[in-house]
Amino acid sequence: ATAVAFDVLFEGAGDVAGDTRFELGLFDAGNVVLGSTVERTDDPRFREARKVEPHTPFAETAAAVAGVELPPDNDGVIRRTWLTLEGRPSLALGAYGVATGDHSLRDEQGVRLIDYYGPPRTIQTVSLYQALDPEQFLPPDFFRDRIVFVGASQVAAVNAAEVKDSFPTPFSGGEVGYTYGVEIHANVAANLIEGRDIRVLPPAFETLLLLVLALLASLTFIYLRPVLGIVALVVLEVSAWFVAYGAFTGADLWIPVVIPGVVQLPAAYVMSLVWYYLTTVRERESIRRAFGFYLSPEMIRRIAESPDSLRLGGEEIVGTAV
C-alpha cells in the first residue's frame, strides 16, 4: 500500500509489549497516518472541546497525524469536508499526501463538496481477518499501489444511533443506510487522487441566475396560453435538469436545480394561470358591458370567447337570404 490511514483513535498507552510491536510496525511501514479528533460537549451550562491525540510514541513514529472529524450540514448530512482544520490535514488529505508526496493542498481553506461514488460499500471493502491474512483470502498484490483506510464498517447502518461513526450522506434514505466515516474519508481521498473538485457558483451570481430565470419563466408563461404554457413548463423543467446534469458530469460544476425545478417554474406557471384567468374574465366582462344593448346574448358569448373576431374588416361568404 502507498499509505495506510487509521480512522481509529489510539489514545493513551496500553499493553507495553503490544504498544512496542505497534510502534515498530509504524516505523517499518513508514506510511501510516493516525487519526486525531476534537471531542465537543455542548451543554446548556457549559461548552467543552478536548483534543484527542494518538499516544505520543505512536504520533512521533507515524508518517502523519490527521483529523478524522466530518462537518455535517444543518440537517446532519455529510456533504462537505475540510481538507485542513486549524493547520492539521484531514485524514483523506494526510493519506493523499503520504501516498503521493503532494502537499500543495494543505493551504486550502474552507470546505469542499464531496463527490460521492455511490451508496455505502461502493468503495471496495474487506474484513479485518482478510487484511491480516491476504495471501489466503485476497488476490495477489491486492493492496499494492493503493491507499488503505482502516476503521469500523459494517454492511450498512440504518441510522447513527445504531452504530457509532456512521453518517447520512446524499445517498441515504429508503433502503439505503448510513455510510461509515472511514468510507467517507476514502471517497474524499479518491476525489483528491482523480482531481475531482465540485465547484459551486458564486453566491451573488447564483442569486442573479435564479432571479433572471424566474422573471423569464413568468414572462414566457404569461405570453403563452395555458395549453402552450404547460408545454413550455415541461420543456424548461427537462432543460434545467439536463443543463445541471451536464455541468456536473462535464465540468464538476454544481448548478442549483431543485429550487428552479420544484419551486420557481411551477410557481411561475401557476401565477400565469391566475393572471390569464383574471385578465380573461375582466376582458369578457368589458365586452358584455359594451355590447349588451346592441347584440344578442349568443353573439356576445361568441365575441367574448373569441375577442379577435372584433378586428376590422369582414368575411366574404356565399349565402341565400329569404
Protein backbone atom coordinates (compact mmCIF):
# COMPACT_ATOMS: atom_id res chain seq x y z
CA ALA A 1 0.00 0.00 0.00
CA THR A 2 1.15 3.54 -0.69
CA ALA A 3 -0.46 4.75 2.54
CA VAL A 4 -2.43 3.28 5.44
CA ALA A 5 -4.82 5.65 7.25
CA PHE A 6 -6.46 4.71 10.54
CA ASP A 7 -9.90 6.12 11.29
CA VAL A 8 -9.21 4.83 14.78
CA LEU A 9 -8.08 6.74 17.85
CA PHE A 10 -5.03 5.30 19.63
CA GLU A 11 -5.34 7.45 22.73
CA GLY A 12 -3.23 6.61 25.73
CA ALA A 13 -0.85 3.77 26.46
CA GLY A 14 -1.91 0.16 26.51
CA ASP A 15 -0.09 -3.09 26.96
CA VAL A 16 3.64 -2.37 26.86
CA ALA A 17 4.52 -5.29 24.61
CA GLY A 18 1.64 -4.57 22.28
CA ASP A 19 2.48 -0.87 22.11
CA THR A 20 6.09 -1.70 21.30
CA ARG A 21 5.12 -4.03 18.46
CA PHE A 22 2.71 -1.43 17.06
CA GLU A 23 5.36 1.30 17.26
CA LEU A 24 7.86 -0.90 15.44
CA GLY A 25 5.23 -1.65 12.81
CA LEU A 26 4.63 2.06 12.29
CA PHE A 27 8.36 2.62 11.90
CA ASP A 28 8.85 -0.26 9.46
CA ALA A 29 5.87 0.76 7.29
CA GLY A 30 6.75 4.46 7.20
CA ASN A 31 3.46 5.33 5.51
CA VAL A 32 0.88 5.16 8.31
CA VAL A 33 -1.44 8.06 9.10
CA LEU A 34 -3.04 8.10 12.55
CA GLY A 35 -6.29 9.84 13.38
CA SER A 36 -6.99 12.57 15.88
CA THR A 37 -10.16 14.43 16.73
CA VAL A 38 -11.76 17.03 18.95
CA GLU A 39 -14.46 15.86 21.32
CA ARG A 40 -17.00 18.60 21.91
CA THR A 41 -19.51 18.82 24.74
CA ASP A 42 -22.42 21.22 24.27
CA ASP A 43 -24.34 21.57 27.50
CA PRO A 44 -26.72 24.37 28.48
CA ARG A 45 -24.37 25.15 31.34
CA PHE A 46 -21.01 24.87 29.60
CA ARG A 47 -19.17 24.01 26.42
CA GLU A 48 -16.02 21.97 26.30
CA ALA A 49 -13.66 20.97 23.50
CA ARG A 50 -10.98 18.36 24.13
CA LYS A 51 -8.34 17.26 21.67
CA VAL A 52 -7.88 13.53 21.37
CA GLU A 53 -4.38 12.82 20.09
CA PRO A 54 -2.64 9.49 19.42
CA HIS A 55 -0.35 8.11 22.09
CA THR A 56 2.81 10.26 21.89
CA PRO A 57 5.23 7.48 20.78
CA PHE A 58 2.76 6.48 18.07
CA ALA A 59 2.32 10.07 16.87
CA GLU A 60 6.07 10.59 16.70
CA THR A 61 6.63 7.38 14.73
CA ALA A 62 3.70 7.69 12.30
CA ALA A 63 4.15 9.33 8.91
CA ALA A 64 1.43 11.86 9.75
CA VAL A 65 -1.34 12.65 12.21
CA ALA A 66 -4.62 13.86 10.68
CA GLY A 67 -8.10 14.85 11.78
CA VAL A 68 -10.99 12.44 11.40
CA GLU A 69 -13.81 14.93 12.03
CA LEU A 70 -16.51 15.36 9.38
CA PRO A 71 -18.58 18.58 9.34
CA PRO A 72 -22.34 17.88 9.00
CA ASP A 73 -24.77 20.27 7.35
CA ASN A 74 -27.69 21.66 9.32
CA ASP A 75 -29.74 18.55 8.55
CA GLY A 76 -26.95 16.24 9.72
CA VAL A 77 -25.99 15.06 6.22
CA ILE A 78 -22.28 14.89 5.33
CA ARG A 79 -22.00 16.73 2.02
CA ARG A 80 -18.80 18.64 2.60
CA THR A 81 -15.41 18.22 4.17
CA TRP A 82 -12.46 20.38 5.00
CA LEU A 83 -9.00 19.45 3.83
CA THR A 84 -7.30 21.29 6.67
CA LEU A 85 -8.64 22.44 10.02
CA GLU A 86 -6.59 24.66 12.28
CA GLY A 87 -3.45 23.75 10.36
CA ARG A 88 -3.97 19.98 10.59
CA PRO A 89 -4.83 17.95 7.47
CA SER A 90 -7.90 15.78 7.27
CA LEU A 91 -7.44 12.02 7.25
CA ALA A 92 -8.04 11.92 3.49
CA LEU A 93 -5.54 14.70 2.78
CA GLY A 94 -2.98 13.20 5.14
CA ALA A 95 -3.20 9.83 3.39
CA TYR A 96 -3.12 11.50 -0.03
CA GLY A 97 0.00 13.46 0.93
CA VAL A 98 1.83 10.39 2.25
CA ALA A 99 0.89 8.35 -0.84
CA THR A 100 1.72 10.96 -3.49
CA GLY A 101 4.12 13.37 -1.80
CA ASP A 102 1.85 16.22 -2.90
CA HIS A 103 1.32 18.66 -0.04
CA SER A 104 0.12 21.61 -2.13
CA LEU A 105 -3.47 21.32 -0.92
CA ARG A 106 -2.60 21.95 2.72
CA ASP A 107 -3.11 25.67 2.17
CA GLU A 108 -6.72 25.22 1.05
CA GLN A 109 -9.16 26.88 3.42
CA GLY A 110 -12.86 26.30 3.92
CA VAL A 111 -14.87 23.27 2.91
CA ARG A 112 -15.41 21.49 -0.39
CA LEU A 113 -18.24 19.30 -1.61
CA ILE A 114 -17.66 15.54 -1.57
CA ASP A 115 -18.19 13.81 -4.90
CA TYR A 116 -19.55 10.50 -3.62
CA TYR A 117 -19.06 7.49 -5.86
CA GLY A 118 -22.25 5.81 -4.68
CA PRO A 119 -24.11 4.43 -1.65
CA PRO A 120 -22.43 2.58 1.22
CA ARG A 121 -19.91 -0.10 0.24
CA THR A 122 -19.26 1.42 -3.20
CA ILE A 123 -15.62 1.73 -2.18
CA GLN A 124 -14.17 -1.78 -2.12
CA THR A 125 -14.17 -3.05 1.45
CA VAL A 126 -12.55 -6.14 3.01
CA SER A 127 -12.81 -7.55 6.52
CA LEU A 128 -10.06 -7.38 9.09
CA TYR A 129 -9.43 -11.11 9.01
CA GLN A 130 -8.89 -10.89 5.25
CA ALA A 131 -6.44 -8.00 5.61
CA LEU A 132 -4.47 -9.88 8.28
CA ASP A 133 -4.06 -12.92 6.03
CA PRO A 134 -4.21 -11.55 2.46
CA GLU A 135 -2.39 -14.49 0.90
CA GLN A 136 -5.24 -16.81 1.85
CA PHE A 137 -8.27 -14.57 1.48
CA LEU A 138 -7.36 -11.89 -1.10
CA PRO A 139 -6.00 -11.83 -4.66
CA PRO A 140 -2.23 -11.42 -5.10
CA ASP A 141 -0.92 -7.86 -4.58
CA PHE A 142 -4.39 -6.74 -3.55
CA PHE A 143 -3.11 -3.73 -1.58
CA ARG A 144 -0.31 -2.78 -3.98
CA ASP A 145 -0.35 0.90 -5.05
CA ARG A 146 -3.49 1.58 -3.04
CA ILE A 147 -4.38 3.86 -0.16
CA VAL A 148 -5.86 1.70 2.59
CA PHE A 149 -8.27 3.13 5.17
CA VAL A 150 -8.83 1.19 8.37
CA GLY A 151 -11.91 1.73 10.50
CA ALA A 152 -15.30 0.46 11.61
CA SER A 153 -17.54 -0.62 8.73
CA GLN A 154 -20.46 -2.99 8.61
CA VAL A 155 -22.74 -3.77 5.68
CA ALA A 156 -24.90 -0.69 6.33
CA ALA A 157 -26.10 1.25 9.31
CA VAL A 158 -29.75 2.31 9.31
CA ASN A 159 -29.09 5.32 11.50
CA ALA A 160 -26.36 6.93 13.57
CA ALA A 161 -27.84 5.62 16.80
CA GLU A 162 -27.48 2.06 15.53
CA VAL A 163 -23.69 2.22 15.47
CA LYS A 164 -21.08 4.83 16.14
CA ASP A 165 -19.25 6.59 13.31
CA SER A 166 -21.97 6.21 10.68
CA PHE A 167 -23.40 9.26 8.95
CA PRO A 168 -26.17 10.15 6.49
CA THR A 169 -25.00 11.10 3.01
CA PRO A 170 -26.87 12.34 -0.09
CA PHE A 171 -27.45 8.67 -0.96
CA SER A 172 -29.08 7.83 2.39
CA GLY A 173 -32.81 7.28 2.54
CA GLY A 174 -35.28 4.49 1.97
CA GLU A 175 -33.43 1.19 1.89
CA VAL A 176 -30.04 2.90 1.63
CA GLY A 177 -28.47 3.22 5.07
CA TYR A 178 -25.85 5.50 6.51
CA THR A 179 -22.19 5.45 5.45
CA TYR A 180 -19.35 4.86 7.86
CA GLY A 181 -16.83 7.63 8.34
CA VAL A 182 -13.93 5.54 7.09
CA GLU A 183 -15.61 5.15 3.69
CA ILE A 184 -16.39 8.87 3.54
CA HIS A 185 -12.69 9.60 4.06
CA ALA A 186 -11.91 7.10 1.29
CA ASN A 187 -14.31 8.94 -1.05
CA VAL A 188 -12.52 12.23 -0.34
CA ALA A 189 -9.09 10.68 -0.93
CA ALA A 190 -10.30 9.23 -4.24
CA ASN A 191 -11.55 12.70 -5.21
CA LEU A 192 -8.09 14.13 -4.50
CA ILE A 193 -6.31 11.42 -6.50
CA GLU A 194 -8.61 11.92 -9.51
CA GLY A 195 -8.63 15.70 -9.20
CA ARG A 196 -12.39 15.81 -8.73
CA ASP A 197 -13.40 19.09 -7.13
CA ILE A 198 -17.06 20.08 -7.30
CA ARG A 199 -17.28 23.83 -7.84
CA VAL A 200 -20.29 25.96 -6.99
CA LEU A 201 -21.44 29.26 -8.44
CA PRO A 202 -20.56 32.44 -6.52
CA PRO A 203 -23.49 33.35 -4.23
CA ALA A 204 -24.17 36.66 -6.00
CA PHE A 205 -24.19 35.03 -9.44
CA GLU A 206 -26.38 32.17 -8.21
CA THR A 207 -28.92 34.63 -6.79
CA LEU A 208 -28.91 36.63 -10.02
CA LEU A 209 -29.36 33.45 -12.08
CA LEU A 210 -32.37 32.37 -10.02
CA LEU A 211 -33.99 35.81 -10.29
CA VAL A 212 -33.48 36.04 -14.05
CA LEU A 213 -34.80 32.52 -14.56
CA ALA A 214 -37.92 33.25 -12.50
CA LEU A 215 -38.54 36.51 -14.43
CA LEU A 216 -38.07 34.94 -17.88
CA ALA A 217 -40.26 31.96 -16.99
CA SER A 218 -43.04 34.23 -15.69
CA LEU A 219 -42.99 36.39 -18.83
CA THR A 220 -42.99 33.28 -21.04
CA PHE A 221 -45.95 31.70 -19.30
CA ILE A 222 -47.92 34.98 -19.28
CA TYR A 223 -47.32 35.44 -23.02
CA LEU A 224 -48.45 31.91 -23.86
CA ARG A 225 -51.90 30.45 -23.38
CA PRO A 226 -52.31 27.80 -20.66
CA VAL A 227 -52.00 24.81 -23.00
CA LEU A 228 -48.80 26.08 -24.60
CA GLY A 229 -47.66 27.18 -21.17
CA ILE A 230 -47.76 23.64 -19.80
CA VAL A 231 -45.67 22.50 -22.80
CA ALA A 232 -43.17 25.27 -22.09
CA LEU A 233 -43.12 24.25 -18.42
CA VAL A 234 -42.19 20.67 -19.31
CA VAL A 235 -39.51 21.85 -21.74
CA LEU A 236 -37.99 24.21 -19.18
CA GLU A 237 -38.07 21.57 -16.44
CA VAL A 238 -36.32 18.98 -18.61
CA SER A 239 -33.83 21.57 -19.88
CA ALA A 240 -32.93 22.68 -16.35
CA TRP A 241 -32.19 19.13 -15.23
CA PHE A 242 -30.19 18.35 -18.38
CA VAL A 243 -28.11 21.53 -18.04
CA ALA A 244 -27.41 20.80 -14.36
CA TYR A 245 -26.51 17.19 -15.13
CA GLY A 246 -24.22 18.21 -17.99
CA ALA A 247 -22.48 20.85 -15.89
CA PHE A 248 -21.96 18.38 -13.03
CA THR A 249 -20.66 15.47 -15.11
CA GLY A 250 -18.76 17.52 -17.66
CA ALA A 251 -17.32 20.38 -15.65
CA ASP A 252 -17.71 19.35 -11.97
CA LEU A 253 -19.94 22.41 -11.57
CA TRP A 254 -22.91 22.28 -9.21
CA ILE A 255 -25.83 24.35 -10.51
CA PRO A 256 -28.90 24.68 -8.26
CA VAL A 257 -31.76 22.85 -9.95
CA VAL A 258 -34.11 21.86 -7.14
CA ILE A 259 -35.27 25.41 -6.40
CA PRO A 260 -35.96 26.27 -10.07
CA GLY A 261 -37.39 22.86 -10.93
CA VAL A 262 -39.55 22.28 -7.86
CA VAL A 263 -40.40 25.81 -6.76
CA GLN A 264 -39.78 28.60 -9.28
CA LEU A 265 -41.02 27.13 -12.56
CA PRO A 266 -44.24 25.57 -11.16
CA ALA A 267 -44.94 28.73 -9.15
CA ALA A 268 -44.42 30.91 -12.22
CA TYR A 269 -46.82 28.75 -14.23
CA VAL A 270 -49.49 28.88 -11.52
CA MET A 271 -49.13 32.66 -11.32
CA SER A 272 -49.51 32.87 -15.10
CA LEU A 273 -52.74 30.84 -14.86
CA VAL A 274 -54.07 33.25 -12.26
CA TRP A 275 -53.05 36.21 -14.43
CA TYR A 276 -54.68 34.66 -17.50
CA TYR A 277 -57.90 33.96 -15.60
CA LEU A 278 -58.14 37.45 -14.17
CA THR A 279 -57.37 39.24 -17.44
CA THR A 280 -59.70 36.96 -19.45
CA VAL A 281 -62.60 37.41 -17.03
CA ARG A 282 -62.08 41.17 -17.00
CA GLU A 283 -61.93 41.34 -20.79
CA ARG A 284 -65.07 39.25 -21.23
CA GLU A 285 -66.97 41.37 -18.72
CA SER A 286 -65.93 44.52 -20.59
CA ILE A 287 -67.24 43.03 -23.85
CA ARG A 288 -70.55 42.13 -22.24
CA ARG A 289 -70.99 45.63 -20.91
CA ALA A 290 -70.01 47.23 -24.24
CA PHE A 291 -72.31 45.18 -26.48
CA GLY A 292 -75.08 44.23 -24.07
CA PHE A 293 -77.55 46.76 -25.53
CA TYR A 294 -76.77 46.04 -29.20
CA LEU A 295 -76.24 42.32 -29.72
CA SER A 296 -77.93 39.11 -28.76
CA PRO A 297 -76.59 37.12 -25.78
CA GLU A 298 -75.36 34.36 -28.09
CA MET A 299 -73.37 36.82 -30.21
CA ILE A 300 -71.91 38.43 -27.09
CA ARG A 301 -70.84 34.99 -25.84
CA ARG A 302 -69.11 34.22 -29.14
CA ILE A 303 -67.29 37.55 -29.13
CA ALA A 304 -66.26 37.11 -25.51
CA GLU A 305 -64.81 33.67 -26.26
CA SER A 306 -63.00 34.98 -29.36
CA PRO A 307 -62.17 38.69 -29.00
CA ASP A 308 -60.07 38.51 -32.18
CA SER A 309 -63.33 38.35 -34.16
CA LEU A 310 -63.77 42.08 -33.49
CA ARG A 311 -60.91 43.03 -35.80
CA LEU A 312 -61.69 45.46 -38.59
CA GLY A 313 -62.57 44.02 -41.98
CA GLY A 314 -65.05 41.41 -42.97
CA GLU A 315 -65.59 37.92 -44.22
CA GLU A 316 -66.89 37.14 -47.69
CA ILE A 317 -69.35 34.23 -47.84
CA VAL A 318 -71.84 32.79 -50.28
CA GLY A 319 -75.35 32.77 -48.77
CA THR A 320 -79.06 32.93 -49.51
CA ALA A 321 -81.43 35.42 -47.91
CA VAL A 322 -85.14 34.60 -47.80
